[in-house]
Amino acid sequence: MRTTFLTTVLGAAAALFTATLPAAAHHAFGAEFDASRPVLLKGRIVKVEWVNPHTWIHVEITKPDGAKEVWMVEGGSPNSLLRRGATKNSFPMGTEVVVDGYQARDHSELRANARNVTFTDGRKLFLGSTGTGAPPEDQFPADKVKPPTK
């Protein structure tokens, strides 16, 4: 009897703990990104992370002085992108893209949240996050773009 009660309590605690892990890893747009700091990044894709809770596209840009830097660009979840018609194969390595989105609040990091990714053939994919703190879907960051800053 005692073993059954202990097993039940430990099992319930483990289930509660694992159920809260994904929620702790997820964040609201406004917690990490600044809706008043739009960025326009032009470069080539060097890495794609198709993982939950958010996808990441790494884009190498060339600064005006010729130096290169790689930005981590957050997109929606893989499931939300699949519903929009995008797959991991939609972002081949070396592909030139233009990302318009919003810079991270911590300006020392080269991170942004993507609204749209535009390919050289004119295709545009909406990758943006929605929810707490995210700008409305009809607001396009490229309309008010400033150069990215650190």
C-alpha atoms as a PDB file:
ATOM      1  CA  MET A   1       0.000   0.000   0.000  1.00  0.00           C
ATOM      2  CA  ARG A   2       2.748   2.412   0.982  1.00  0.00           C
ATOM      3  CA  THR A   3       4.688   1.673  -2.221  1.00  0.00           C
ATOM      4  CA  THR A   4       1.581   2.292  -4.351  1.00  0.00           C
ATOM      5  CA  PHE A   5       0.917   5.666  -2.672  1.00  0.00           C
ATOM      6  CA  LEU A   6       4.568   6.750  -3.049  1.00  0.00           C
ATOM      7  CA  THR A   7       4.620   5.623  -6.689  1.00  0.00           C
ATOM      8  CA  THR A   8       1.423   7.573  -7.379  1.00  0.00           C
ATOM      9  CA  VAL A   9       2.762  10.746  -5.754  1.00  0.00           C
ATOM     10  CA  LEU A  10       6.106  10.521  -7.562  1.00  0.00           C
ATOM     11  CA  GLY A  11       4.373   9.780 -10.865  1.00  0.00           C
ATOM     12  CA  ALA A  12       2.078  12.792 -10.455  1.00  0.00           C
ATOM     13  CA  ALA A  13       5.019  15.036  -9.547  1.00  0.00           C
ATOM     14  CA  ALA A  14       6.987  13.856 -12.589  1.00  0.00           C
ATOM     15  CA  ALA A  15       3.991  14.437 -14.880  1.00  0.00           C
ATOM     16  CA  LEU A  16       3.480  17.933 -13.472  1.00  0.00           C
ATOM     17  CA  PHE A  17       7.173  18.767 -13.851  1.00  0.00           C
ATOM     18  CA  THR A  18       7.396  17.598 -17.469  1.00  0.00           C
ATOM     19  CA  ALA A  19       4.133  19.330 -18.384  1.00  0.00           C
ATOM     20  CA  THR A  20       5.560  22.675 -17.270  1.00  0.00           C
ATOM     21  CA  LEU A  21       8.924  22.415 -19.084  1.00  0.00           C
ATOM     22  CA  PRO A  22       7.704  23.420 -22.574  1.00  0.00           C
ATOM     23  CA  ALA A  23       5.777  26.348 -21.130  1.00  0.00           C
ATOM     24  CA  ALA A  24       8.867  27.612 -19.338  1.00  0.00           C
ATOM     25  CA  ALA A  25      10.891  27.514 -22.550  1.00  0.00           C
ATOM     26  CA  HIS A  26       8.352  29.510 -24.535  1.00  0.00           C
ATOM     27  CA  HIS A  27       8.169  33.288 -24.333  1.00  0.00           C
ATOM     28  CA  ALA A  28       5.982  36.159 -25.437  1.00  0.00           C
ATOM     29  CA  PHE A  29       7.197  38.314 -28.340  1.00  0.00           C
ATOM     30  CA  GLY A  30       7.393  41.404 -26.109  1.00  0.00           C
ATOM     31  CA  ALA A  31       9.615  39.648 -23.581  1.00  0.00           C
ATOM     32  CA  GLU A  32      12.519  39.263 -26.024  1.00  0.00           C
ATOM     33  CA  PHE A  33      11.885  41.494 -29.042  1.00  0.00           C
ATOM     34  CA  ASP A  34      11.325  45.227 -29.455  1.00  0.00           C
ATOM     35  CA  ALA A  35       8.386  46.166 -31.705  1.00  0.00           C
ATOM     36  CA  SER A  36       9.790  49.695 -31.999  1.00  0.00           C
ATOM     37  CA  ARG A  37      13.111  48.428 -33.484  1.00  0.00           C
ATOM     38  CA  PRO A  38      12.388  46.972 -36.930  1.00  0.00           C
ATOM     39  CA  VAL A  39      15.312  45.542 -38.888  1.00  0.00           C
ATOM     40  CA  LEU A  40      15.873  44.602 -42.517  1.00  0.00           C
ATOM     41  CA  LEU A  41      18.497  41.910 -42.966  1.00  0.00           C
ATOM     42  CA  LYS A  42      19.815  41.015 -46.426  1.00  0.00           C
ATOM     43  CA  GLY A  43      22.047  37.981 -46.663  1.00  0.00           C
ATOM     44  CA  ARG A  44      22.334  34.278 -47.207  1.00  0.00           C
ATOM     45  CA  ILE A  45      21.031  31.398 -45.135  1.00  0.00           C
ATOM     46  CA  VAL A  46      23.850  29.548 -43.371  1.00  0.00           C
ATOM     47  CA  LYS A  47      21.870  27.342 -40.963  1.00  0.00           C
ATOM     48  CA  VAL A  48      18.287  26.317 -40.199  1.00  0.00           C
ATOM     49  CA  GLU A  49      17.052  24.924 -36.883  1.00  0.00           C
ATOM     50  CA  TRP A  50      13.617  23.327 -37.335  1.00  0.00           C
ATOM     51  CA  VAL A  51      12.853  22.882 -33.618  1.00  0.00           C
ATOM     52  CA  ASN A  52      10.109  23.650 -31.123  1.00  0.00           C
ATOM     53  CA  PRO A  53       8.992  26.014 -29.785  1.00  0.00           C
ATOM     54  CA  HIS A  54      10.433  28.277 -32.538  1.00  0.00           C
ATOM     55  CA  THR A  55      12.333  27.739 -35.748  1.00  0.00           C
ATOM     56  CA  TRP A  56      15.612  29.591 -36.242  1.00  0.00           C
ATOM     57  CA  ILE A  57      17.136  30.716 -39.521  1.00  0.00           C
ATOM     58  CA  HIS A  58      20.732  31.916 -39.356  1.00  0.00           C
ATOM     59  CA  VAL A  59      21.464  34.624 -41.930  1.00  0.00           C
ATOM     60  CA  GLU A  60      24.942  35.934 -42.733  1.00  0.00           C
ATOM     61  CA  ILE A  61      24.842  39.618 -43.604  1.00  0.00           C
ATOM     62  CA  THR A  62      27.598  41.883 -44.870  1.00  0.00           C
ATOM     63  CA  LYS A  63      27.907  45.164 -43.017  1.00  0.00           C
ATOM     64  CA  PRO A  64      28.730  48.410 -44.860  1.00  0.00           C
ATOM     65  CA  ASP A  65      32.407  48.083 -43.829  1.00  0.00           C
ATOM     66  CA  GLY A  66      32.566  44.597 -45.419  1.00  0.00           C
ATOM     67  CA  ALA A  67      32.561  42.689 -42.135  1.00  0.00           C
ATOM     68  CA  LYS A  68      30.229  39.726 -41.900  1.00  0.00           C
ATOM     69  CA  GLU A  69      27.951  38.799 -39.034  1.00  0.00           C
ATOM     70  CA  VAL A  70      25.459  35.995 -38.574  1.00  0.00           C
ATOM     71  CA  TRP A  71      22.023  36.845 -37.210  1.00  0.00           C
ATOM     72  CA  MET A  72      19.767  34.311 -35.496  1.00  0.00           C
ATOM     73  CA  VAL A  73      16.279  34.926 -36.848  1.00  0.00           C
ATOM     74  CA  GLU A  74      13.361  33.422 -34.941  1.00  0.00           C
ATOM     75  CA  GLY A  75      10.272  32.213 -36.757  1.00  0.00           C
ATOM     76  CA  GLY A  76       7.056  30.567 -35.681  1.00  0.00           C
ATOM     77  CA  SER A  77       6.836  26.955 -34.576  1.00  0.00           C
ATOM     78  CA  PRO A  78       7.497  24.247 -37.175  1.00  0.00           C
ATOM     79  CA  ASN A  79       3.807  23.316 -37.042  1.00  0.00           C
ATOM     80  CA  SER A  80       2.630  26.880 -37.726  1.00  0.00           C
ATOM     81  CA  LEU A  81       5.090  27.217 -40.620  1.00  0.00           C
ATOM     82  CA  LEU A  82       3.952  23.888 -42.081  1.00  0.00           C
ATOM     83  CA  ARG A  83       0.358  25.189 -42.024  1.00  0.00           C
ATOM     84  CA  ARG A  84       1.581  28.230 -43.991  1.00  0.00           C
ATOM     85  CA  GLY A  85       3.215  25.999 -46.601  1.00  0.00           C
ATOM     86  CA  ALA A  86       6.840  26.201 -45.431  1.00  0.00           C
ATOM     87  CA  THR A  87       9.084  23.248 -44.639  1.00  0.00           C
ATOM     88  CA  LYS A  88      12.709  23.003 -43.572  1.00  0.00           C
ATOM     89  CA  ASN A  89      13.511  22.467 -47.266  1.00  0.00           C
ATOM     90  CA  SER A  90      11.996  25.892 -48.033  1.00  0.00           C
ATOM     91  CA  PHE A  91      15.221  27.432 -46.665  1.00  0.00           C
ATOM     92  CA  PRO A  92      18.186  25.866 -48.526  1.00  0.00           C
ATOM     93  CA  MET A  93      21.680  26.747 -47.329  1.00  0.00           C
ATOM     94  CA  GLY A  94      23.253  29.588 -49.309  1.00  0.00           C
ATOM     95  CA  THR A  95      19.922  31.030 -50.454  1.00  0.00           C
ATOM     96  CA  GLU A  96      19.840  34.833 -50.578  1.00  0.00           C
ATOM     97  CA  VAL A  97      16.960  36.266 -48.556  1.00  0.00           C
ATOM     98  CA  VAL A  98      15.652  39.515 -47.164  1.00  0.00           C
ATOM     99  CA  VAL A  99      14.262  39.255 -43.645  1.00  0.00           C
ATOM    100  CA  ASP A 100      12.143  41.997 -42.191  1.00  0.00           C
ATOM    101  CA  GLY A 101      11.446  41.729 -38.537  1.00  0.00           C
ATOM    102  CA  TYR A 102      12.219  43.104 -35.103  1.00  0.00           C
ATOM    103  CA  GLN A 103      15.479  43.275 -33.187  1.00  0.00           C
ATOM    104  CA  ALA A 104      16.015  41.626 -29.822  1.00  0.00           C
ATOM    105  CA  ARG A 105      15.637  43.838 -26.765  1.00  0.00           C
ATOM    106  CA  ASP A 106      19.181  42.920 -25.766  1.00  0.00           C
ATOM    107  CA  HIS A 107      20.923  44.859 -28.530  1.00  0.00           C
ATOM    108  CA  SER A 108      24.242  43.169 -27.829  1.00  0.00           C
ATOM    109  CA  GLU A 109      22.909  39.982 -29.407  1.00  0.00           C
ATOM    110  CA  LEU A 110      22.491  39.456 -33.137  1.00  0.00           C
ATOM    111  CA  ARG A 111      18.941  38.128 -32.858  1.00  0.00           C
ATOM    112  CA  ALA A 112      15.698  39.132 -34.499  1.00  0.00           C
ATOM    113  CA  ASN A 113      12.138  37.908 -34.790  1.00  0.00           C
ATOM    114  CA  ALA A 114      11.169  37.512 -38.457  1.00  0.00           C
ATOM    115  CA  ARG A 115       7.937  38.877 -39.803  1.00  0.00           C
ATOM    116  CA  ASN A 116       8.585  37.990 -43.454  1.00  0.00           C
ATOM    117  CA  VAL A 117      11.307  36.277 -45.453  1.00  0.00           C
ATOM    118  CA  THR A 118      11.494  37.311 -49.116  1.00  0.00           C
ATOM    119  CA  PHE A 119      13.416  35.248 -51.671  1.00  0.00           C
ATOM    120  CA  THR A 120      15.173  36.646 -54.759  1.00  0.00           C
ATOM    121  CA  ASP A 121      12.402  35.249 -57.003  1.00  0.00           C
ATOM    122  CA  GLY A 122       9.855  37.392 -55.121  1.00  0.00           C
ATOM    123  CA  ARG A 123       8.305  34.633 -53.003  1.00  0.00           C
ATOM    124  CA  LYS A 124       7.460  35.837 -49.526  1.00  0.00           C
ATOM    125  CA  LEU A 125       6.847  33.657 -46.475  1.00  0.00           C
ATOM    126  CA  PHE A 126       5.203  34.989 -43.335  1.00  0.00           C
ATOM    127  CA  LEU A 127       7.190  33.668 -40.374  1.00  0.00           C
ATOM    128  CA  GLY A 128       6.089  36.125 -37.738  1.00  0.00           C
ATOM    129  CA  SER A 129       5.072  35.434 -34.229  1.00  0.00           C
ATOM    130  CA  THR A 130       1.739  36.515 -32.978  1.00  0.00           C
ATOM    131  CA  GLY A 131       0.606  36.986 -29.436  1.00  0.00           C
ATOM    132  CA  THR A 132       1.593  39.104 -26.494  1.00  0.00           C
ATOM    133  CA  GLY A 133       3.613  42.117 -27.565  1.00  0.00           C
ATOM    134  CA  ALA A 134       3.803  41.243 -31.278  1.00  0.00           C
ATOM    135  CA  PRO A 135       2.888  44.047 -33.682  1.00  0.00           C
ATOM    136  CA  PRO A 136      -0.391  43.646 -35.591  1.00  0.00           C
ATOM    137  CA  GLU A 137      -0.209  41.460 -38.704  1.00  0.00           C
ATOM    138  CA  ASP A 138      -1.035  44.432 -40.957  1.00  0.00           C
ATOM    139  CA  GLN A 139       1.987  46.373 -39.663  1.00  0.00           C
ATOM    140  CA  PHE A 140       5.054  45.764 -41.794  1.00  0.00           C
ATOM    141  CA  PRO A 141       8.409  46.464 -40.144  1.00  0.00           C
ATOM    142  CA  ALA A 142      10.143  47.264 -43.448  1.00  0.00           C
ATOM    143  CA  ASP A 143       8.061  50.451 -43.602  1.00  0.00           C
ATOM    144  CA  LYS A 144      10.059  51.861 -40.667  1.00  0.00           C
ATOM    145  CA  VAL A 145      13.367  50.085 -40.997  1.00  0.00           C
ATOM    146  CA  LYS A 146      16.510  51.321 -39.280  1.00  0.00           C
ATOM    147  CA  PRO A 147      19.944  49.696 -39.664  1.00  0.00           C
ATOM    148  CA  PRO A 148      20.518  46.959 -37.086  1.00  0.00           C
ATOM    149  CA  THR A 149      22.500  48.099 -34.090  1.00  0.00           C
ATOM    150  CA  LYS A 150      24.358  46.275 -31.376  1.00  0.00           C
END
